[in-house]
Amino acid sequence: MITPMSSGNGTKRIGVFVCHCGLNIAGVVDMGKVVAEIRKYPGVVYAADYQYMCSDPGQNLMRETIREHHLDAIVNANCSPSLHEKTFRNVAASEGLNPYNLEIANIREHCSWPHANDPEMATKKAIAIIKATIDRLKLNAALEPAVIPLKKRALVIGGGIAGMQSALTIANTGYEVVLVESSPWLGGHVSQLSSTFPTLDQPACLIEPMMTEVDSHPRITLYAYSEIEEVSGYVGNFVVRIREKASFVDTAKCNNCGLCLAPCPVSVPSEFERGLATRKAIHIPFAQAVPQRPVIDNESCI
């Protein structure tokens, strides 16, 4: 349960800092009217405006005011929180405040810029946004950072050249890696190319050693011919359900001898060769494919 903050004479003392942002805000919004109105709002013990709150003097003003007025909650009315929320929360934290008891009221992108031709509307809206932010701050719970154990295991989806390189990079830093590829073999589209631009190098010379390294790496678990069914959990502790598609080949008994390919009576256009050649219903797309195991295309079987 969240306990609401009380007003100015209660346990929480709220300070409001309104930034001019040069003329970006002050050129449209009436700063004096905003500050005068906010000073009367319940819970506010201090309100002031300053030309650039993000500047060093502006940050020092915040620090001095926090100490002088014993503030424990702050509203900064300025630009987007994506720009300076972290800056101001660091200032609050440096004075012993919980940084999550600081909120940003965006009166630039939401007021002065969209209502540049209507200063009265921009001013009214700025006051309303700041008051709403104060009310939100009164209900804020003081969050504390939590330390949770992380599973040193990563999931990489896709066994093309980018996925393989990602898996190898992560695995070589000490993490366990699960690599999931929807097709039966690694390599992706690069394995189908005969040369690359502009050097005309053969992709096979690049990806074949990479495929072998991925398949044999002690910290990489490969799920080929598999798809992601479900992802749940949270950062540091995700749970992923993987569905392995049926290859109709007993991989425990298969020794990659290739004797099963010749007797197959079915020939269909080869996807790997873009339909320019044929393959059997049981097939391996190319001689260096990894994993080196055939798959039966059940839909092409007689």
Protein backbone atom coordinates (compact mmCIF):
# COMPACT_ATOMS: atom_id res chain seq x y z
CA MET A 1 0.00 0.00 0.00
CA ILE A 2 1.29 3.49 -0.88
CA THR A 3 0.94 6.08 1.87
CA PRO A 4 0.13 9.50 0.37
CA MET A 5 2.49 12.34 1.20
CA SER A 6 0.96 15.00 3.41
CA SER A 7 0.98 18.70 2.56
CA GLY A 8 3.36 21.53 3.47
CA ASN A 9 3.11 21.13 7.23
CA GLY A 10 3.29 17.33 7.10
CA THR A 11 6.03 14.80 6.58
CA LYS A 12 6.84 15.76 3.00
CA ARG A 13 8.04 19.17 1.92
CA ILE A 14 7.76 19.76 -1.83
CA GLY A 15 9.86 22.21 -3.82
CA VAL A 16 9.08 23.27 -7.39
CA PHE A 17 11.69 24.57 -9.82
CA VAL A 18 10.41 26.10 -13.08
CA CYS A 19 12.95 26.39 -15.89
CA HIS A 20 12.86 29.13 -18.55
CA CYS A 21 14.87 26.97 -20.97
CA GLY A 22 16.04 30.27 -22.42
CA LEU A 23 13.08 31.48 -24.47
CA ASN A 24 11.89 27.98 -25.33
CA ILE A 25 9.49 28.10 -22.38
CA ALA A 26 9.73 31.64 -21.00
CA GLY A 27 9.12 33.12 -24.46
CA VAL A 28 5.58 31.72 -24.36
CA VAL A 29 4.66 30.76 -20.79
CA ASP A 30 4.19 33.50 -18.16
CA MET A 31 6.81 32.42 -15.60
CA GLY A 32 5.72 34.86 -12.92
CA LYS A 33 2.10 33.73 -13.08
CA VAL A 34 3.08 30.06 -12.99
CA VAL A 35 5.32 30.43 -9.93
CA ALA A 36 2.79 32.61 -8.08
CA GLU A 37 0.05 30.05 -8.68
CA ILE A 38 2.18 27.06 -7.69
CA ARG A 39 3.33 28.71 -4.45
CA LYS A 40 -0.29 28.64 -3.26
CA TYR A 41 -0.77 24.96 -4.04
CA PRO A 42 -1.11 22.60 -1.04
CA GLY A 43 2.08 20.75 -0.21
CA VAL A 44 4.44 23.26 -1.83
CA VAL A 45 6.87 24.96 0.56
CA TYR A 46 9.10 26.47 -2.12
CA ALA A 47 8.67 27.50 -5.76
CA ALA A 48 10.98 29.51 -7.99
CA ASP A 49 11.94 29.94 -11.62
CA TYR A 50 15.42 30.01 -13.13
CA GLN A 51 16.79 30.57 -16.62
CA TYR A 52 18.52 27.20 -17.07
CA MET A 53 17.92 24.64 -14.33
CA CYS A 54 20.17 22.09 -16.05
CA SER A 55 23.18 24.42 -15.83
CA ASP A 56 25.68 24.14 -12.98
CA PRO A 57 24.26 27.27 -11.25
CA GLY A 58 20.76 25.82 -11.63
CA GLN A 59 21.81 22.53 -10.08
CA ASN A 60 23.58 24.37 -7.26
CA LEU A 61 20.38 26.34 -6.64
CA MET A 62 18.55 23.04 -6.21
CA ARG A 63 21.16 21.77 -3.75
CA GLU A 64 21.10 24.95 -1.66
CA THR A 65 17.30 25.04 -1.62
CA ILE A 66 17.03 21.39 -0.58
CA ARG A 67 19.29 22.09 2.40
CA GLU A 68 17.79 25.47 3.33
CA HIS A 69 14.13 24.45 3.10
CA HIS A 70 14.58 20.81 4.12
CA LEU A 71 12.88 19.54 0.99
CA ASP A 72 12.15 15.85 0.62
CA ALA A 73 10.30 15.91 -2.71
CA ILE A 74 10.86 17.96 -5.87
CA VAL A 75 9.06 18.84 -9.10
CA ASN A 76 11.16 20.17 -11.96
CA ALA A 77 9.04 21.91 -14.60
CA ASN A 78 11.12 22.04 -17.74
CA CYS A 79 11.77 19.98 -20.89
CA SER A 80 11.29 16.29 -21.60
CA PRO A 81 12.32 13.88 -18.84
CA SER A 82 14.30 11.96 -21.45
CA LEU A 83 16.81 14.82 -21.42
CA HIS A 84 17.41 15.78 -17.80
CA GLU A 85 15.41 13.55 -15.45
CA LYS A 86 18.59 11.63 -14.59
CA THR A 87 20.49 14.91 -14.11
CA PHE A 88 18.02 16.25 -11.57
CA ARG A 89 17.59 12.92 -9.79
CA ASN A 90 21.36 12.77 -9.35
CA VAL A 91 21.24 16.25 -7.80
CA ALA A 92 18.50 15.13 -5.41
CA ALA A 93 20.42 11.98 -4.50
CA SER A 94 23.58 14.01 -3.83
CA GLU A 95 21.67 15.83 -1.07
CA GLY A 96 20.38 12.62 0.50
CA LEU A 97 16.92 12.61 -1.11
CA ASN A 98 15.39 9.52 -2.62
CA PRO A 99 15.81 10.24 -6.36
CA TYR A 100 12.38 8.75 -7.10
CA ASN A 101 10.80 11.53 -5.05
CA LEU A 102 11.63 13.84 -7.95
CA GLU A 103 9.27 14.16 -10.90
CA ILE A 104 9.46 16.08 -14.18
CA ALA A 105 6.61 18.26 -15.45
CA ASN A 106 7.19 18.62 -19.18
CA ILE A 107 6.01 22.15 -19.95
CA ARG A 108 8.14 22.64 -23.06
CA GLU A 109 7.04 19.83 -25.40
CA HIS A 110 3.53 19.83 -23.89
CA CYS A 111 2.93 23.57 -23.46
CA SER A 112 5.22 26.21 -24.92
CA TRP A 113 6.02 24.44 -28.17
CA PRO A 114 2.55 23.22 -29.21
CA HIS A 115 0.88 26.45 -28.00
CA ALA A 116 3.50 28.93 -29.19
CA ASN A 117 0.77 31.10 -30.73
CA ASP A 118 -1.43 31.02 -27.62
CA PRO A 119 0.57 32.10 -24.53
CA GLU A 120 -2.52 32.19 -22.32
CA MET A 121 -3.38 28.58 -23.13
CA ALA A 122 0.26 27.54 -22.69
CA THR A 123 0.39 29.20 -19.26
CA LYS A 124 -2.86 27.62 -18.05
CA LYS A 125 -1.76 24.23 -19.28
CA ALA A 126 1.66 24.57 -17.63
CA ILE A 127 0.03 25.34 -14.29
CA ALA A 128 -2.31 22.36 -14.66
CA ILE A 129 0.53 19.98 -15.58
CA ILE A 130 2.68 21.12 -12.66
CA LYS A 131 -0.21 20.73 -10.21
CA ALA A 132 -0.94 17.25 -11.55
CA THR A 133 2.73 16.34 -11.16
CA ILE A 134 2.69 17.60 -7.57
CA ASP A 135 -0.36 15.43 -6.85
CA ARG A 136 1.40 12.46 -8.39
CA LEU A 137 4.47 13.16 -6.27
CA LYS A 138 2.35 13.14 -3.13
CA LEU A 139 1.38 9.55 -3.90
CA ASN A 140 4.85 8.38 -4.90
CA ALA A 141 6.44 5.55 -2.99
CA ALA A 142 10.12 6.04 -2.23
CA LEU A 143 11.71 3.33 -4.36
CA GLU A 144 14.96 1.70 -3.40
CA PRO A 145 17.36 -0.08 -5.77
CA ALA A 146 17.23 -3.85 -5.46
CA VAL A 147 20.05 -6.30 -6.01
CA ILE A 148 18.90 -9.55 -7.58
CA PRO A 149 20.91 -12.56 -8.68
CA LEU A 150 21.32 -12.81 -12.45
CA LYS A 151 21.50 -15.99 -14.43
CA LYS A 152 24.62 -15.73 -16.56
CA ARG A 153 22.82 -17.19 -19.53
CA ALA A 154 21.78 -15.49 -22.74
CA LEU A 155 19.32 -16.34 -25.50
CA VAL A 156 20.17 -15.58 -29.13
CA ILE A 157 17.39 -16.00 -31.68
CA GLY A 158 18.50 -16.71 -35.23
CA GLY A 159 21.45 -18.73 -36.47
CA GLY A 160 22.49 -16.53 -39.38
CA ILE A 161 25.86 -14.80 -39.49
CA ALA A 162 24.75 -12.08 -37.04
CA GLY A 163 23.23 -14.57 -34.61
CA MET A 164 26.26 -16.84 -34.71
CA GLN A 165 28.67 -13.94 -34.15
CA SER A 166 26.53 -12.68 -31.26
CA ALA A 167 26.45 -16.14 -29.68
CA LEU A 168 30.21 -16.55 -29.99
CA THR A 169 30.94 -13.08 -28.61
CA ILE A 170 28.70 -13.62 -25.58
CA ALA A 171 29.96 -17.16 -24.97
CA ASN A 172 33.57 -16.03 -25.12
CA THR A 173 32.92 -13.55 -22.30
CA GLY A 174 31.91 -16.43 -20.02
CA TYR A 175 28.14 -16.56 -20.43
CA GLU A 176 26.14 -19.66 -21.27
CA VAL A 177 24.30 -19.12 -24.57
CA VAL A 178 21.19 -20.76 -25.97
CA LEU A 179 21.03 -20.29 -29.75
CA VAL A 180 17.66 -20.94 -31.41
CA GLU A 181 17.39 -21.30 -35.20
CA SER A 182 14.06 -21.97 -36.93
CA SER A 183 15.59 -23.84 -39.87
CA PRO A 184 17.35 -27.20 -39.45
CA TRP A 185 20.79 -25.71 -40.15
CA LEU A 186 22.91 -22.69 -39.32
CA GLY A 187 24.10 -20.11 -41.83
CA GLY A 188 21.01 -18.17 -42.85
CA HIS A 189 20.95 -16.43 -46.22
CA VAL A 190 24.71 -15.90 -46.29
CA SER A 191 25.21 -19.63 -46.77
CA GLN A 192 23.33 -19.36 -50.08
CA LEU A 193 25.60 -16.70 -51.56
CA SER A 194 28.44 -17.45 -53.97
CA SER A 195 30.35 -14.22 -53.33
CA THR A 196 30.10 -10.93 -51.46
CA PHE A 197 30.46 -7.32 -52.60
CA PRO A 198 32.84 -5.58 -53.06
CA THR A 199 35.70 -8.04 -52.37
CA LEU A 200 34.00 -11.02 -54.05
CA ASP A 201 35.03 -13.21 -51.13
CA GLN A 202 33.37 -16.59 -50.79
CA PRO A 203 30.94 -16.52 -47.82
CA ALA A 204 31.64 -20.20 -47.19
CA CYS A 205 35.16 -19.30 -46.11
CA LEU A 206 33.68 -17.04 -43.45
CA ILE A 207 30.67 -18.92 -42.14
CA GLU A 208 31.80 -22.55 -42.28
CA PRO A 209 34.45 -22.13 -39.55
CA MET A 210 31.94 -20.04 -37.61
CA MET A 211 29.23 -22.72 -37.85
CA THR A 212 31.65 -25.39 -36.67
CA GLU A 213 32.81 -23.23 -33.77
CA VAL A 214 29.22 -22.54 -32.69
CA ASP A 215 28.30 -26.22 -32.85
CA SER A 216 31.31 -27.29 -30.79
CA HIS A 217 31.53 -24.37 -28.34
CA PRO A 218 31.28 -25.65 -24.74
CA ARG A 219 29.14 -22.68 -23.65
CA ILE A 220 26.69 -22.68 -26.59
CA THR A 221 23.61 -24.90 -26.66
CA LEU A 222 22.14 -25.05 -30.16
CA TYR A 223 18.46 -25.67 -30.81
CA ALA A 224 18.17 -26.00 -34.58
CA TYR A 225 14.79 -26.52 -36.26
CA SER A 226 13.18 -24.91 -33.23
CA GLU A 227 10.92 -21.95 -32.48
CA ILE A 228 10.19 -19.74 -29.48
CA GLU A 229 6.80 -20.58 -27.99
CA GLU A 230 6.68 -18.28 -24.98
CA VAL A 231 8.78 -15.75 -23.08
CA SER A 232 8.01 -14.90 -19.46
CA GLY A 233 9.83 -13.62 -16.39
CA TYR A 234 11.75 -10.38 -15.95
CA VAL A 235 15.16 -8.82 -16.52
CA GLY A 236 17.78 -11.18 -15.18
CA ASN A 237 15.43 -14.13 -14.89
CA PHE A 238 13.60 -14.83 -18.14
CA VAL A 239 11.96 -18.17 -18.82
CA VAL A 240 11.70 -19.20 -22.48
CA ARG A 241 9.73 -22.13 -23.85
CA ILE A 242 11.24 -23.62 -27.02
CA ARG A 243 9.44 -26.00 -29.37
CA GLU A 244 11.68 -28.31 -31.34
CA LYS A 245 10.10 -29.30 -34.64
CA ALA A 246 10.06 -32.94 -35.72
CA SER A 247 12.82 -33.88 -38.15
CA PHE A 248 11.50 -37.46 -38.45
CA VAL A 249 15.09 -38.65 -38.14
CA ASP A 250 16.42 -40.38 -35.03
CA THR A 251 19.41 -38.15 -34.40
CA ALA A 252 20.66 -40.46 -31.65
CA LYS A 253 21.17 -43.22 -34.22
CA CYS A 254 22.13 -41.08 -37.23
CA ASN A 255 25.87 -41.15 -37.98
CA ASN A 256 25.68 -38.83 -41.02
CA CYS A 257 26.60 -41.57 -43.48
CA GLY A 258 24.23 -40.19 -46.13
CA LEU A 259 22.97 -43.63 -47.19
CA CYS A 260 19.36 -42.58 -46.55
CA LEU A 261 19.41 -39.90 -49.25
CA ALA A 262 19.87 -41.98 -52.42
CA PRO A 263 16.94 -44.41 -51.94
CA CYS A 264 14.44 -41.57 -51.44
CA PRO A 265 12.14 -41.59 -54.52
CA VAL A 266 10.89 -38.01 -54.10
CA SER A 267 12.58 -35.01 -55.70
CA VAL A 268 11.30 -31.47 -55.18
CA PRO A 269 12.69 -27.98 -55.91
CA SER A 270 15.45 -27.06 -53.47
CA GLU A 271 14.79 -23.98 -51.35
CA PHE A 272 18.50 -23.64 -50.67
CA GLU A 273 19.19 -23.46 -54.41
CA ARG A 274 16.26 -21.07 -54.96
CA GLY A 275 14.45 -23.67 -57.05
CA LEU A 276 17.29 -23.95 -59.58
CA ALA A 277 18.00 -27.53 -58.50
CA THR A 278 16.14 -30.34 -56.79
CA ARG A 279 16.49 -32.11 -53.48
CA LYS A 280 15.12 -35.30 -51.96
CA ALA A 281 12.35 -35.37 -49.36
CA ILE A 282 15.05 -36.39 -46.89
CA HIS A 283 17.91 -34.00 -47.37
CA ILE A 284 20.82 -31.89 -46.19
CA PRO A 285 20.98 -28.56 -48.07
CA PHE A 286 24.74 -28.48 -48.65
CA ALA A 287 27.69 -30.66 -47.79
CA GLN A 288 29.06 -28.43 -45.01
CA ALA A 289 25.70 -27.87 -43.28
CA VAL A 290 25.73 -27.64 -39.48
CA PRO A 291 24.30 -29.58 -37.72
CA GLN A 292 25.27 -32.37 -40.11
CA ARG A 293 22.01 -34.29 -39.98
CA PRO A 294 19.25 -34.87 -42.53
CA VAL A 295 15.66 -33.77 -42.15
CA ILE A 296 12.59 -35.35 -43.72
CA ASP A 297 10.23 -32.90 -45.41
CA ASN A 298 7.02 -34.65 -44.41
CA GLU A 299 4.86 -32.59 -46.77
CA SER A 300 6.87 -33.79 -49.78
CA CYS A 301 6.76 -37.46 -48.85
CA ILE A 302 4.62 -39.86 -50.89
